[in-house]
N, C-alpha and C. Protein backbone atom coordinates (compact mmCIF):
# COMPACT_ATOMS: atom_id res chain seq x y z
N UNK A 1 110.85 194.12 95.71
CA UNK A 1 111.68 193.65 96.94
C UNK A 1 111.03 194.00 98.16
N UNK A 2 111.58 193.46 99.34
CA UNK A 2 110.81 193.53 100.68
C UNK A 2 111.80 194.28 101.19
N UNK A 3 111.24 195.71 101.51
CA UNK A 3 112.06 196.72 102.21
C UNK A 3 111.78 196.40 103.95
N UNK A 4 112.64 196.47 104.81
CA UNK A 4 112.21 195.65 106.21
C UNK A 4 112.32 196.93 107.42
N UNK A 5 111.45 197.80 106.79
CA UNK A 5 110.37 198.72 107.55
C UNK A 5 109.20 198.84 108.12
N UNK A 6 108.37 199.70 108.55
CA UNK A 6 107.07 199.59 108.65
C UNK A 6 106.36 199.62 107.13
N UNK A 7 106.59 201.06 106.63
CA UNK A 7 105.66 200.85 105.12
C UNK A 7 106.08 199.84 104.48
N UNK A 8 107.30 199.32 104.19
CA UNK A 8 107.22 198.51 103.32
C UNK A 8 106.64 197.39 103.81
N UNK A 9 106.69 196.81 105.04
CA UNK A 9 105.50 195.46 105.49
C UNK A 9 104.12 195.69 104.91
N UNK A 10 104.00 196.93 105.46
CA UNK A 10 102.53 197.42 104.90
C UNK A 10 102.06 197.29 103.58
N UNK A 11 102.73 197.46 102.84
CA UNK A 11 102.84 197.70 101.36
C UNK A 11 102.44 195.94 100.63
N UNK A 12 103.62 195.27 101.19
CA UNK A 12 103.19 194.34 100.92
C UNK A 12 102.00 193.24 101.59
N UNK A 13 101.96 193.25 102.47
CA UNK A 13 100.85 192.95 102.97
C UNK A 13 99.65 193.21 102.47
N UNK A 14 99.47 194.38 102.50
CA UNK A 14 98.37 194.84 101.40
C UNK A 14 98.54 194.40 99.85
N UNK A 15 99.23 194.02 99.19
CA UNK A 15 99.41 193.47 97.99
C UNK A 15 99.08 192.28 97.79
N UNK A 16 99.57 191.63 99.24
CA UNK A 16 99.58 189.93 99.17
C UNK A 16 97.66 189.79 99.32
N UNK A 17 97.18 190.69 100.21
CA UNK A 17 95.49 190.93 100.36
C UNK A 17 95.03 191.34 99.25
N UNK A 18 95.36 191.92 98.44
CA UNK A 18 94.49 192.34 97.21
C UNK A 18 94.93 190.67 96.50
N UNK A 19 95.66 190.00 96.06
CA UNK A 19 95.68 189.40 95.51
C UNK A 19 95.12 188.08 95.82
N UNK A 20 94.91 188.12 97.23
CA UNK A 20 94.13 187.03 97.70
C UNK A 20 92.54 186.92 97.46
N UNK A 21 92.15 188.63 97.85
CA UNK A 21 90.89 188.88 96.83
C UNK A 21 90.50 188.80 95.75
N UNK A 22 91.61 189.03 94.64
CA UNK A 22 91.35 188.62 93.07
C UNK A 22 90.81 187.43 93.51
N UNK A 23 92.06 186.61 93.90
CA UNK A 23 91.77 184.97 93.43
C UNK A 23 90.33 184.45 93.96
N UNK A 24 89.37 184.92 95.13
CA UNK A 24 88.44 184.53 95.48
C UNK A 24 87.35 185.39 94.90
N UNK A 25 87.52 186.51 94.39
CA UNK A 25 86.62 187.04 93.25
C UNK A 25 86.56 186.37 92.02
N UNK A 26 87.56 185.56 91.64
CA UNK A 26 87.80 184.91 90.31
C UNK A 26 87.10 183.71 90.66
N UNK A 27 87.35 183.05 91.63
CA UNK A 27 87.00 181.63 92.09
C UNK A 27 85.15 181.57 92.48
N UNK A 28 84.80 182.67 93.16
CA UNK A 28 83.40 182.76 92.70
C UNK A 28 82.69 183.19 91.54
N UNK A 29 83.20 183.83 90.83
CA UNK A 29 82.78 183.68 89.12
C UNK A 29 82.82 182.61 88.43
N UNK A 30 83.74 181.80 88.60
CA UNK A 30 83.89 181.04 87.58
C UNK A 30 82.68 179.72 88.46
N UNK A 31 82.91 179.36 90.16
CA UNK A 31 81.71 178.55 90.26
C UNK A 31 80.36 179.22 90.31
N UNK A 32 80.08 180.50 90.33
CA UNK A 32 78.95 180.78 89.96
C UNK A 32 78.13 180.70 88.30
N UNK A 33 79.41 180.90 87.39
CA UNK A 33 79.05 180.47 85.79
C UNK A 33 78.79 179.38 85.99
N UNK A 34 79.57 178.20 86.00
CA UNK A 34 79.46 176.82 86.42
C UNK A 34 78.22 176.35 86.81
N UNK A 35 78.16 177.09 87.47
CA UNK A 35 76.55 176.70 88.67
C UNK A 35 75.08 177.17 87.75
N UNK A 36 75.87 177.99 86.90
CA UNK A 36 74.41 178.36 86.02
C UNK A 36 73.97 177.68 84.73
N UNK A 37 75.52 177.51 83.92
CA UNK A 37 75.37 176.37 82.97
C UNK A 37 74.74 175.21 83.63
N UNK A 38 75.17 174.72 84.46
CA UNK A 38 74.30 173.57 85.11
C UNK A 38 73.15 173.63 85.33
N UNK A 39 72.50 174.70 85.82
CA UNK A 39 70.88 174.62 85.98
C UNK A 39 70.41 174.41 84.93
N UNK A 40 70.73 175.66 84.38
CA UNK A 40 70.49 175.98 82.97
C UNK A 40 70.12 174.13 81.91
N UNK A 41 71.41 173.70 81.97
CA UNK A 41 71.21 172.25 81.14
C UNK A 41 69.90 171.55 81.72
N UNK A 42 69.92 171.41 83.08
CA UNK A 42 68.93 170.42 83.77
C UNK A 42 67.62 171.00 83.14
N UNK A 43 67.53 172.66 83.39
CA UNK A 43 66.15 172.89 83.76
C UNK A 43 65.47 172.91 81.95
N UNK A 44 66.67 173.49 80.60
CA UNK A 44 66.47 172.96 79.93
C UNK A 44 66.06 171.59 78.95
N UNK A 45 66.65 170.84 79.90
CA UNK A 45 66.64 169.48 79.06
C UNK A 45 65.57 168.90 79.30
N UNK A 46 64.74 169.22 80.82
CA UNK A 46 63.51 168.78 80.86
C UNK A 46 62.05 169.93 80.06
N UNK A 47 62.20 171.10 80.31
CA UNK A 47 61.13 172.01 79.73
C UNK A 47 61.46 172.26 78.13
N UNK A 48 62.94 171.99 77.77
CA UNK A 48 62.87 173.09 76.49
C UNK A 48 64.18 174.04 76.89
N UNK A 49 64.26 175.38 75.78
CA UNK A 49 64.71 176.16 75.58
C UNK A 49 63.91 177.14 75.96
N UNK A 50 63.18 177.28 75.12
CA UNK A 50 61.89 178.23 74.88
C UNK A 50 60.97 178.48 76.54
N UNK A 51 60.80 177.15 76.94
CA UNK A 51 60.06 177.44 78.65
C UNK A 51 60.87 177.82 79.35
N UNK A 52 62.24 177.56 79.35
CA UNK A 52 62.81 177.92 80.43
C UNK A 52 62.84 179.44 80.84
N UNK A 53 62.82 179.46 82.53
CA UNK A 53 63.45 180.90 82.25
C UNK A 53 64.48 181.07 83.06
N UNK A 54 64.77 182.83 83.14
CA UNK A 54 65.98 182.98 83.70
C UNK A 54 65.88 182.78 85.58
N UNK A 55 64.70 183.36 85.81
CA UNK A 55 64.55 183.65 86.81
C UNK A 55 64.79 181.95 87.87
N UNK A 56 63.81 180.66 87.18
CA UNK A 56 64.23 179.59 87.44
C UNK A 56 65.38 178.98 87.33
N UNK A 57 66.04 179.37 86.35
CA UNK A 57 67.64 178.92 86.73
C UNK A 57 68.50 179.63 87.33
N UNK A 58 68.03 181.08 87.53
CA UNK A 58 68.57 181.27 89.11
C UNK A 58 68.26 180.82 90.08
N UNK A 59 67.47 180.48 90.43
CA UNK A 59 67.31 179.89 91.62
C UNK A 59 67.72 178.73 91.71
N UNK A 60 67.52 177.66 90.77
CA UNK A 60 68.30 176.51 90.88
C UNK A 60 69.75 176.54 90.99
N UNK A 61 70.60 177.48 90.69
CA UNK A 61 71.72 177.74 90.36
C UNK A 61 72.40 178.30 91.96
N UNK A 62 71.45 178.70 92.64
CA UNK A 62 71.13 178.97 93.77
C UNK A 62 72.16 180.97 93.73
N UNK A 63 71.51 181.74 93.03
CA UNK A 63 72.61 182.76 92.50
C UNK A 63 71.65 184.08 92.46
N UNK A 64 71.73 185.24 93.07
CA UNK A 64 70.52 186.61 92.26
C UNK A 64 70.00 186.46 90.67
N UNK A 65 68.80 186.38 90.98
CA UNK A 65 68.20 186.62 89.44
C UNK A 65 68.91 187.32 88.37
N UNK A 66 69.46 188.66 89.22
CA UNK A 66 70.04 190.09 88.58
C UNK A 66 71.23 189.56 88.12
N UNK A 67 71.88 187.95 89.12
CA UNK A 67 73.50 188.28 88.63
C UNK A 67 73.46 187.12 87.22
N UNK A 68 72.46 186.46 86.64
CA UNK A 68 72.36 186.11 85.53
C UNK A 68 73.10 187.02 84.15
N UNK A 69 72.60 187.93 84.58
CA UNK A 69 73.32 189.03 83.23
C UNK A 69 74.53 189.21 83.55
N UNK A 70 75.42 189.11 84.70
CA UNK A 70 76.42 189.55 84.80
C UNK A 70 77.01 188.73 83.94
N UNK A 71 76.77 187.01 83.56
CA UNK A 71 77.66 186.35 83.06
C UNK A 71 77.40 186.32 81.83
N UNK A 72 75.93 186.28 81.32
CA UNK A 72 75.03 186.09 80.22
C UNK A 72 74.08 187.09 79.24
N UNK A 73 74.29 187.39 78.29
CA UNK A 73 73.50 188.37 78.25
C UNK A 73 71.95 188.14 77.85
N UNK A 74 72.01 187.15 77.53
CA UNK A 74 70.42 186.55 77.07
C UNK A 74 70.35 185.00 77.54
N UNK A 75 68.99 184.27 77.34
CA UNK A 75 69.07 183.33 77.55
C UNK A 75 69.73 182.69 76.43
N UNK A 76 69.61 182.92 75.27
CA UNK A 76 70.06 182.53 73.72
C UNK A 76 71.49 182.15 74.05
N UNK A 77 72.33 183.07 74.94
CA UNK A 77 74.13 182.92 75.32
C UNK A 77 73.87 181.95 75.96
N UNK A 78 73.10 181.99 77.27
CA UNK A 78 73.17 180.86 78.33
C UNK A 78 72.95 179.43 77.70
N UNK A 79 71.72 179.38 76.75
CA UNK A 79 71.45 178.02 75.88
C UNK A 79 72.63 178.09 75.24
N UNK A 80 73.50 178.74 74.50
CA UNK A 80 74.66 177.85 73.68
C UNK A 80 75.88 177.54 74.48
N UNK A 81 75.71 178.37 75.79
CA UNK A 81 77.11 177.78 76.68
C UNK A 81 76.98 176.56 77.39
N UNK A 82 75.82 176.51 77.10
CA UNK A 82 74.74 174.99 78.02
C UNK A 82 75.28 173.68 76.71
N UNK A 83 75.18 174.05 75.35
CA UNK A 83 75.30 173.42 74.35
C UNK A 83 76.48 172.93 74.03
N UNK A 84 77.65 174.30 74.29
CA UNK A 84 79.19 173.89 74.11
C UNK A 84 79.79 172.78 75.15
N UNK A 85 78.78 173.17 76.46
CA UNK A 85 79.47 172.08 77.73
C UNK A 85 78.98 170.47 77.46
N UNK A 86 77.89 170.52 76.89
CA UNK A 86 77.45 169.43 76.24
C UNK A 86 78.21 168.69 75.47
N UNK A 87 78.65 169.31 74.37
CA UNK A 87 79.52 168.76 73.29
C UNK A 87 81.00 168.30 73.57
N UNK A 88 81.43 169.66 74.67
CA UNK A 88 82.86 168.75 74.85
C UNK A 88 82.39 167.77 75.87
N UNK A 89 81.48 167.19 76.60
CA UNK A 89 81.27 165.68 77.34
C UNK A 89 80.70 164.93 76.22
N UNK A 90 80.08 165.29 75.47
CA UNK A 90 79.83 164.09 74.60
C UNK A 90 81.20 163.75 73.86
N UNK A 91 82.15 164.67 73.82
CA UNK A 91 83.06 164.19 72.76
C UNK A 91 84.23 163.13 74.13
N UNK A 92 83.82 163.19 75.30
CA UNK A 92 84.69 162.55 76.06
C UNK A 92 84.23 161.61 76.50
N UNK A 93 82.55 161.21 76.12
CA UNK A 93 81.73 159.98 76.06
C UNK A 93 81.90 159.13 75.24
N UNK A 94 82.27 159.51 73.89
CA UNK A 94 82.66 159.36 72.76
C UNK A 94 83.98 158.58 73.14
N UNK A 95 85.02 159.33 73.62
CA UNK A 95 86.34 159.16 73.69
C UNK A 95 86.23 157.85 74.42
N UNK A 96 85.92 157.54 75.75
CA UNK A 96 85.46 156.45 76.66
C UNK A 96 85.09 155.54 76.09
N UNK A 97 83.59 155.68 74.64
CA UNK A 97 83.06 154.43 74.61
C UNK A 97 84.18 153.75 73.78
N UNK A 98 85.04 154.50 72.82
CA UNK A 98 85.65 153.72 71.75
C UNK A 98 87.29 153.16 72.09
N UNK A 99 87.09 153.50 73.36
CA UNK A 99 88.68 153.18 73.92
C UNK A 99 89.08 152.02 73.49
N UNK A 100 88.61 150.76 73.08
CA UNK A 100 88.60 149.47 73.11
C UNK A 100 89.00 149.20 71.58
N UNK A 101 88.52 150.47 70.84
CA UNK A 101 88.71 150.15 69.21
C UNK A 101 89.88 150.52 69.07
N UNK A 102 90.59 149.63 68.20
CA UNK A 102 92.06 149.67 67.89
C UNK A 102 92.19 150.36 66.42
N UNK A 103 90.86 150.57 65.74
CA UNK A 103 90.88 151.26 64.18
C UNK A 103 90.74 152.68 64.35
N UNK A 104 91.23 153.93 64.45
CA UNK A 104 91.09 154.84 64.47
C UNK A 104 90.25 155.47 63.31
N UNK A 105 89.72 155.15 62.40
CA UNK A 105 88.44 154.84 61.36
C UNK A 105 87.15 154.72 61.85
N UNK A 106 87.34 153.57 63.04
CA UNK A 106 86.12 153.38 62.84
C UNK A 106 85.77 154.49 64.05
N UNK A 107 86.81 154.55 64.88
CA UNK A 107 86.52 155.61 66.23
C UNK A 107 85.66 156.93 65.61
N UNK A 108 86.51 157.28 64.43
CA UNK A 108 85.64 158.66 63.72
C UNK A 108 84.58 158.67 63.41
N UNK A 109 84.15 157.52 62.63
CA UNK A 109 82.82 157.18 62.08
C UNK A 109 81.81 157.02 62.98
N UNK A 110 82.24 156.51 64.14
CA UNK A 110 81.13 156.28 65.71
C UNK A 110 80.79 157.68 66.19
N UNK A 111 81.81 158.62 65.85
CA UNK A 111 81.95 160.10 66.81
C UNK A 111 80.56 160.85 65.70
N UNK A 112 80.92 160.61 64.04
CA UNK A 112 80.17 161.38 63.61
C UNK A 112 78.35 160.44 63.78
N UNK A 113 78.24 159.48 63.85
CA UNK A 113 76.85 158.91 64.13
C UNK A 113 76.58 159.24 65.23
N UNK A 114 77.26 159.46 66.23
CA UNK A 114 76.76 159.75 67.91
C UNK A 114 76.50 161.17 67.57
N UNK A 115 77.23 162.06 67.16
CA UNK A 115 76.59 163.80 67.08
C UNK A 115 75.51 164.03 66.65
N UNK A 116 75.06 163.07 65.22
CA UNK A 116 74.33 163.29 64.54
C UNK A 116 73.06 162.58 65.48
N UNK A 117 73.01 161.54 65.92
CA UNK A 117 72.04 161.25 66.81
C UNK A 117 72.03 162.09 67.86
N UNK A 118 72.64 162.64 68.56
CA UNK A 118 72.35 163.95 69.73
C UNK A 118 71.78 164.73 69.21
N UNK A 119 72.10 165.50 67.83
CA UNK A 119 71.56 166.58 67.43
C UNK A 119 70.24 166.66 67.25
N UNK A 120 69.89 165.31 67.04
CA UNK A 120 68.32 165.07 66.18
C UNK A 120 67.47 164.85 67.48
N UNK A 121 67.95 164.31 68.66
CA UNK A 121 67.01 163.74 69.30
C UNK A 121 66.96 164.79 70.70
N UNK A 122 68.44 165.43 70.88
CA UNK A 122 68.36 165.89 72.42
C UNK A 122 67.79 167.14 72.23
N UNK A 123 66.59 167.54 72.98
CA UNK A 123 66.13 168.56 72.84
C UNK A 123 66.72 170.01 73.01
N UNK A 124 67.73 170.20 73.95
CA UNK A 124 68.47 171.42 74.12
C UNK A 124 69.64 171.48 72.57
N UNK A 125 70.03 170.47 71.94
CA UNK A 125 70.48 171.15 70.85
C UNK A 125 69.23 171.36 69.42
N UNK A 126 67.84 170.34 69.76
CA UNK A 126 67.18 170.68 68.65
C UNK A 126 67.00 172.12 68.53
N UNK A 127 66.50 172.48 69.71
CA UNK A 127 65.93 174.05 69.68
C UNK A 127 66.64 174.97 69.47
N UNK A 128 68.34 174.59 69.76
CA UNK A 128 68.91 175.52 68.81
C UNK A 128 69.55 175.44 67.35
N UNK A 129 69.48 174.59 66.45
CA UNK A 129 69.66 174.22 65.59
C UNK A 129 69.56 175.43 63.96
N UNK A 130 68.09 176.34 64.95
CA UNK A 130 67.82 177.31 64.07
C UNK A 130 69.22 178.43 63.89
N UNK A 131 70.02 178.40 64.77
CA UNK A 131 71.04 179.20 65.06
C UNK A 131 72.06 178.27 64.03
N UNK A 132 72.13 177.86 63.54
CA UNK A 132 72.80 177.02 62.33
C UNK A 132 74.65 177.01 62.32
N UNK A 133 74.88 178.58 62.06
CA UNK A 133 76.17 179.23 61.82
C UNK A 133 76.64 178.67 62.98
N UNK A 134 76.02 179.62 63.93
CA UNK A 134 76.81 179.50 65.40
C UNK A 134 76.79 177.97 66.79
N UNK A 135 75.90 177.12 65.76
CA UNK A 135 75.91 175.92 66.75
C UNK A 135 76.85 174.86 65.52
N UNK A 136 77.27 175.73 64.60
CA UNK A 136 78.44 174.69 63.61
C UNK A 136 79.91 174.64 64.11
N UNK A 137 80.12 176.36 64.43
CA UNK A 137 81.35 177.00 65.01
C UNK A 137 81.67 176.16 66.16
N UNK A 138 80.64 176.44 67.00
CA UNK A 138 80.81 175.62 68.42
C UNK A 138 81.14 174.30 68.40
N UNK A 139 80.45 173.58 67.75
CA UNK A 139 80.34 172.13 67.34
C UNK A 139 82.29 171.91 66.55
N UNK A 140 82.61 173.01 65.61
CA UNK A 140 83.97 172.73 65.20
C UNK A 140 85.07 173.24 66.42
N UNK A 141 84.70 173.52 67.30
CA UNK A 141 85.65 174.36 68.29
C UNK A 141 85.71 173.46 69.34
N UNK A 142 84.67 172.89 70.18
CA UNK A 142 84.77 172.20 71.15
C UNK A 142 84.97 170.56 70.84
N UNK A 143 84.52 169.87 69.19
CA UNK A 143 84.32 168.70 69.58
C UNK A 143 85.57 168.82 68.73
N UNK A 144 86.10 169.73 68.31
CA UNK A 144 87.33 169.59 66.98
C UNK A 144 88.72 169.06 67.41
N UNK A 145 89.09 169.36 68.91
CA UNK A 145 90.31 168.40 69.07
C UNK A 145 90.29 166.96 68.98
N UNK A 146 88.92 166.25 69.30
CA UNK A 146 88.78 164.92 69.34
C UNK A 146 88.57 164.52 68.06
N UNK A 147 87.84 164.70 67.26
CA UNK A 147 87.66 164.68 65.14
C UNK A 147 88.80 164.75 65.05
N UNK A 148 89.69 165.88 65.01
CA UNK A 148 90.56 166.36 64.14
C UNK A 148 91.93 165.02 64.50
N UNK A 149 92.04 164.68 65.58
CA UNK A 149 92.79 163.71 66.05
C UNK A 149 92.79 162.47 65.71
N UNK A 150 91.17 162.16 65.38
CA UNK A 150 90.62 160.56 64.97
C UNK A 150 91.50 160.74 63.44
N UNK A 151 91.04 161.60 62.65
CA UNK A 151 91.48 161.80 61.37
C UNK A 151 92.73 161.77 61.13
N UNK A 152 93.76 162.46 62.03
CA UNK A 152 95.00 162.51 61.66
C UNK A 152 95.46 160.87 62.22
N UNK A 153 94.74 160.21 63.11
CA UNK A 153 95.21 159.02 63.19
C UNK A 153 95.01 158.42 62.05
N UNK A 154 93.55 158.07 61.67
CA UNK A 154 93.42 157.13 60.66
C UNK A 154 93.98 157.77 59.42
N UNK A 155 94.52 159.15 59.18
CA UNK A 155 95.19 159.26 57.85
C UNK A 155 96.88 158.68 57.85
N UNK A 156 97.44 158.61 59.47
CA UNK A 156 98.75 158.03 59.59
C UNK A 156 98.57 156.31 59.65
N UNK A 157 97.41 155.78 59.53
CA UNK A 157 97.34 154.43 59.74
C UNK A 157 96.85 154.15 58.22
N UNK A 158 96.86 154.95 57.37
CA UNK A 158 96.75 154.61 55.62
C UNK A 158 95.53 154.30 55.34
N UNK A 159 94.37 154.41 56.42
CA UNK A 159 92.78 154.46 56.09
C UNK A 159 92.36 155.26 55.67
N UNK A 160 92.50 156.91 55.98
CA UNK A 160 92.06 158.26 55.49
C UNK A 160 92.95 158.70 54.54
N UNK A 161 92.51 159.36 53.84
CA UNK A 161 93.52 160.64 52.75
C UNK A 161 93.12 161.86 52.76
N UNK A 162 93.37 162.67 53.82
CA UNK A 162 92.72 163.82 53.99
C UNK A 162 94.49 164.67 53.86
N UNK A 163 94.41 165.69 53.15
CA UNK A 163 95.47 166.44 53.15
C UNK A 163 95.34 167.65 54.39
N UNK A 164 94.03 167.82 54.72
CA UNK A 164 93.62 169.07 55.73
C UNK A 164 92.58 168.43 56.69
N UNK A 165 92.83 168.14 57.71
CA UNK A 165 91.76 167.26 58.66
C UNK A 165 90.97 168.57 59.05
N UNK A 166 91.91 169.50 59.44
CA UNK A 166 91.15 170.89 59.83
C UNK A 166 89.47 171.31 58.84
N UNK A 167 90.09 170.99 57.42
CA UNK A 167 89.25 171.60 56.59
C UNK A 167 87.81 170.97 56.93
N UNK A 168 88.43 169.36 57.01
CA UNK A 168 87.36 168.11 56.89
C UNK A 168 86.35 168.50 58.29
N UNK A 169 86.95 168.71 59.03
CA UNK A 169 86.27 168.42 60.10
C UNK A 169 85.26 169.82 60.18
N UNK A 170 85.92 170.74 59.63
CA UNK A 170 84.74 172.01 59.89
C UNK A 170 83.57 171.90 58.96
N UNK A 171 83.91 171.18 57.72
CA UNK A 171 82.66 170.92 56.45
C UNK A 171 81.63 169.98 57.22
N UNK A 172 82.37 169.01 57.78
CA UNK A 172 81.77 168.05 58.64
C UNK A 172 80.61 168.55 60.08
N UNK A 173 81.26 169.27 60.16
CA UNK A 173 80.84 170.32 61.38
C UNK A 173 79.34 170.87 60.70
N UNK A 174 79.62 171.82 59.95
CA UNK A 174 78.30 172.58 59.29
C UNK A 174 77.49 171.42 58.56
N UNK A 175 77.91 170.01 57.78
CA UNK A 175 77.14 169.26 57.60
C UNK A 175 75.99 168.75 58.10
N UNK A 176 76.93 168.30 59.57
CA UNK A 176 75.77 168.06 60.51
C UNK A 176 74.70 168.45 61.33
N UNK A 177 75.03 169.89 61.33
CA UNK A 177 73.97 170.55 61.86
C UNK A 177 73.23 171.02 61.28
N UNK A 178 73.23 171.19 59.42
CA UNK A 178 72.12 171.36 58.16
C UNK A 178 71.58 170.19 58.43
N UNK A 179 72.17 168.77 58.07
CA UNK A 179 71.06 167.89 58.21
C UNK A 179 70.34 167.40 59.13
N UNK A 180 70.80 168.03 60.38
CA UNK A 180 69.93 167.82 61.76
C UNK A 180 69.21 168.57 61.72
N UNK A 181 69.22 170.26 61.64
CA UNK A 181 68.20 170.81 61.04
C UNK A 181 67.21 170.38 59.91
N UNK A 182 67.44 169.92 58.98
CA UNK A 182 66.79 169.34 57.93
C UNK A 182 65.55 168.28 58.70
N UNK A 183 66.50 167.27 59.06
CA UNK A 183 65.94 166.10 59.78
C UNK A 183 64.46 166.70 60.85
N UNK A 184 65.11 167.57 61.63
CA UNK A 184 64.42 167.62 63.10
C UNK A 184 62.98 168.68 62.61
N UNK A 185 62.88 169.41 61.39
CA UNK A 185 62.30 170.34 60.64
C UNK A 185 61.13 169.58 60.02
N UNK A 186 61.60 168.33 59.40
CA UNK A 186 60.80 167.31 58.80
C UNK A 186 61.13 167.54 57.10
N UNK A 187 62.33 168.66 57.03
CA UNK A 187 62.54 168.32 55.60
C UNK A 187 63.07 167.00 54.70
N UNK A 188 63.98 166.63 55.91
CA UNK A 188 64.15 165.20 54.75
C UNK A 188 63.94 163.94 56.20
N UNK A 189 63.85 162.72 55.62
CA UNK A 189 63.54 162.10 56.72
C UNK A 189 64.92 161.55 57.42
N UNK A 190 64.05 161.04 58.85
CA UNK A 190 65.08 160.78 59.99
C UNK A 190 65.79 159.26 59.43
N UNK A 191 64.97 159.15 58.40
CA UNK A 191 65.67 157.25 58.03
C UNK A 191 67.08 157.44 56.64
N UNK A 192 67.57 158.45 56.62
CA UNK A 192 68.38 158.92 55.57
C UNK A 192 69.74 159.64 56.59
N UNK A 193 69.54 158.79 57.90
CA UNK A 193 70.66 158.79 58.77
C UNK A 193 71.97 158.11 58.35
N UNK A 194 71.86 156.92 57.75
CA UNK A 194 73.25 156.24 57.60
C UNK A 194 73.25 156.53 56.07
N UNK A 195 72.45 157.52 55.15
CA UNK A 195 73.06 157.92 54.19
C UNK A 195 74.11 158.96 54.71
N UNK A 196 73.53 159.74 55.50
CA UNK A 196 74.19 161.11 55.70
C UNK A 196 76.06 160.95 56.40
N UNK A 197 75.84 159.58 57.24
CA UNK A 197 76.82 159.36 58.05
C UNK A 197 77.77 158.77 56.55
N UNK A 198 77.40 157.90 55.87
CA UNK A 198 78.27 157.41 54.86
C UNK A 198 78.99 158.62 54.13
N UNK A 199 78.16 159.33 53.56
CA UNK A 199 78.79 160.85 52.73
C UNK A 199 79.51 161.75 53.68
N UNK A 200 79.44 161.70 54.89
CA UNK A 200 80.21 162.13 55.63
C UNK A 200 81.61 161.42 55.72
N UNK A 201 81.55 160.20 55.56
CA UNK A 201 82.84 159.88 55.91
C UNK A 201 83.56 159.30 54.36
N UNK A 202 83.06 159.49 53.50
CA UNK A 202 83.29 160.10 52.07
C UNK A 202 84.30 161.33 51.97
N UNK A 203 84.36 161.98 52.93
CA UNK A 203 84.76 163.12 52.66
C UNK A 203 86.23 162.96 53.39
N UNK A 204 86.33 161.77 54.19
CA UNK A 204 87.74 161.38 54.56
C UNK A 204 88.99 161.09 53.01
N UNK A 205 88.17 161.00 52.23
CA UNK A 205 89.17 160.45 50.77
C UNK A 205 88.28 158.80 50.76
N UNK A 206 87.99 158.31 51.53
CA UNK A 206 87.53 156.99 50.94
C UNK A 206 86.28 157.31 49.81
N UNK A 207 85.91 155.25 49.19
CA UNK A 207 85.20 155.82 48.13
C UNK A 207 83.99 155.11 48.80
N UNK A 208 82.84 155.44 48.03
CA UNK A 208 81.59 155.11 48.70
C UNK A 208 81.38 153.67 49.35
N UNK A 209 82.12 152.85 48.68
CA UNK A 209 81.76 151.15 49.18
C UNK A 209 82.35 151.10 50.40
N UNK A 210 83.50 151.66 50.85
CA UNK A 210 84.81 151.38 51.98
C UNK A 210 83.58 152.38 53.22
N UNK A 211 82.80 153.91 52.47
CA UNK A 211 82.38 154.63 53.77
C UNK A 211 81.15 153.50 54.01
N UNK A 212 80.31 152.95 53.43
CA UNK A 212 78.82 152.26 53.57
C UNK A 212 79.92 151.40 54.67
N UNK A 213 80.69 150.50 53.98
CA UNK A 213 81.27 149.09 54.98
C UNK A 213 81.41 149.73 56.57
N UNK A 214 82.08 150.75 56.13
CA UNK A 214 82.72 151.17 57.72
C UNK A 214 81.28 151.60 58.36
N UNK A 215 80.36 152.79 57.99
CA UNK A 215 79.21 152.76 58.86
C UNK A 215 78.42 151.67 59.53
N UNK A 216 78.38 150.49 58.74
CA UNK A 216 77.83 149.21 58.83
C UNK A 216 78.12 148.38 59.82
N UNK A 217 79.39 148.90 60.46
CA UNK A 217 79.78 148.04 61.47
C UNK A 217 79.71 148.27 62.63
N UNK A 218 79.75 147.00 63.89
CA UNK A 218 78.86 147.45 65.09
C UNK A 218 79.58 148.44 65.57
N UNK A 219 78.70 149.22 66.25
CA UNK A 219 79.22 150.31 67.06
C UNK A 219 78.90 150.08 68.68
N UNK A 220 79.84 150.51 69.44
CA UNK A 220 80.07 150.07 70.89
C UNK A 220 78.31 151.06 71.52
N UNK A 221 78.14 150.20 72.53
CA UNK A 221 76.84 151.23 73.19
C UNK A 221 76.29 152.51 73.04
N UNK A 222 75.15 153.11 73.20
CA UNK A 222 75.39 154.36 72.88
C UNK A 222 76.15 155.34 73.86
N UNK A 223 76.04 156.13 73.60
CA UNK A 223 76.64 157.03 74.44
C UNK A 223 75.85 158.14 75.19
N UNK A 224 74.65 158.58 74.45
CA UNK A 224 74.15 159.61 73.93
C UNK A 224 73.16 159.55 75.69
N UNK A 225 73.19 160.89 76.15
CA UNK A 225 72.73 161.12 77.73
C UNK A 225 71.39 160.99 77.67
């Protein structure tokens, strides 16, 4: 309630100023965090995570060197934030690339293939795969809303037989990260990517022949940056 006296008006004015100040602080913190993630992504894509330094990331983001640690406790934590941001952006690019496809099963298959390609070719993914549990969890959370939606659409269309889309995507996320780690460390050949995609598609309830045919369909242009 606003009281029409000197003390009342002064109190309301101070409260408004404090609210505005808090808004500015929050905006600055958000901009700093976004700038650090963007700068880290640029440097890490050029040099790799191990070679990137917090100092050069801070310089590119135009923030003080010590400021980085107000947002991220370590370079590893910052790298995970970069990867989560990349995952979300990749999901959006997959969505745009498949906008012309009417078959939700085909959309899902393309997404699986694209994520596997990104995880085995992008240096920022490759250097973080050793943190498989953390990365698989990030993949489930950041790309899950898109993948689970496509799974449900395929189920509704009678193309997949899945009782729990969340579980299927959770298992798929862990399988993709595990297979990608095996490929990038040379434990299995990269030539088995097609087979991996087929096996992942079998988790949707379709048989091996249907999964093989689905995986072999012509795909939209690559969306990997």
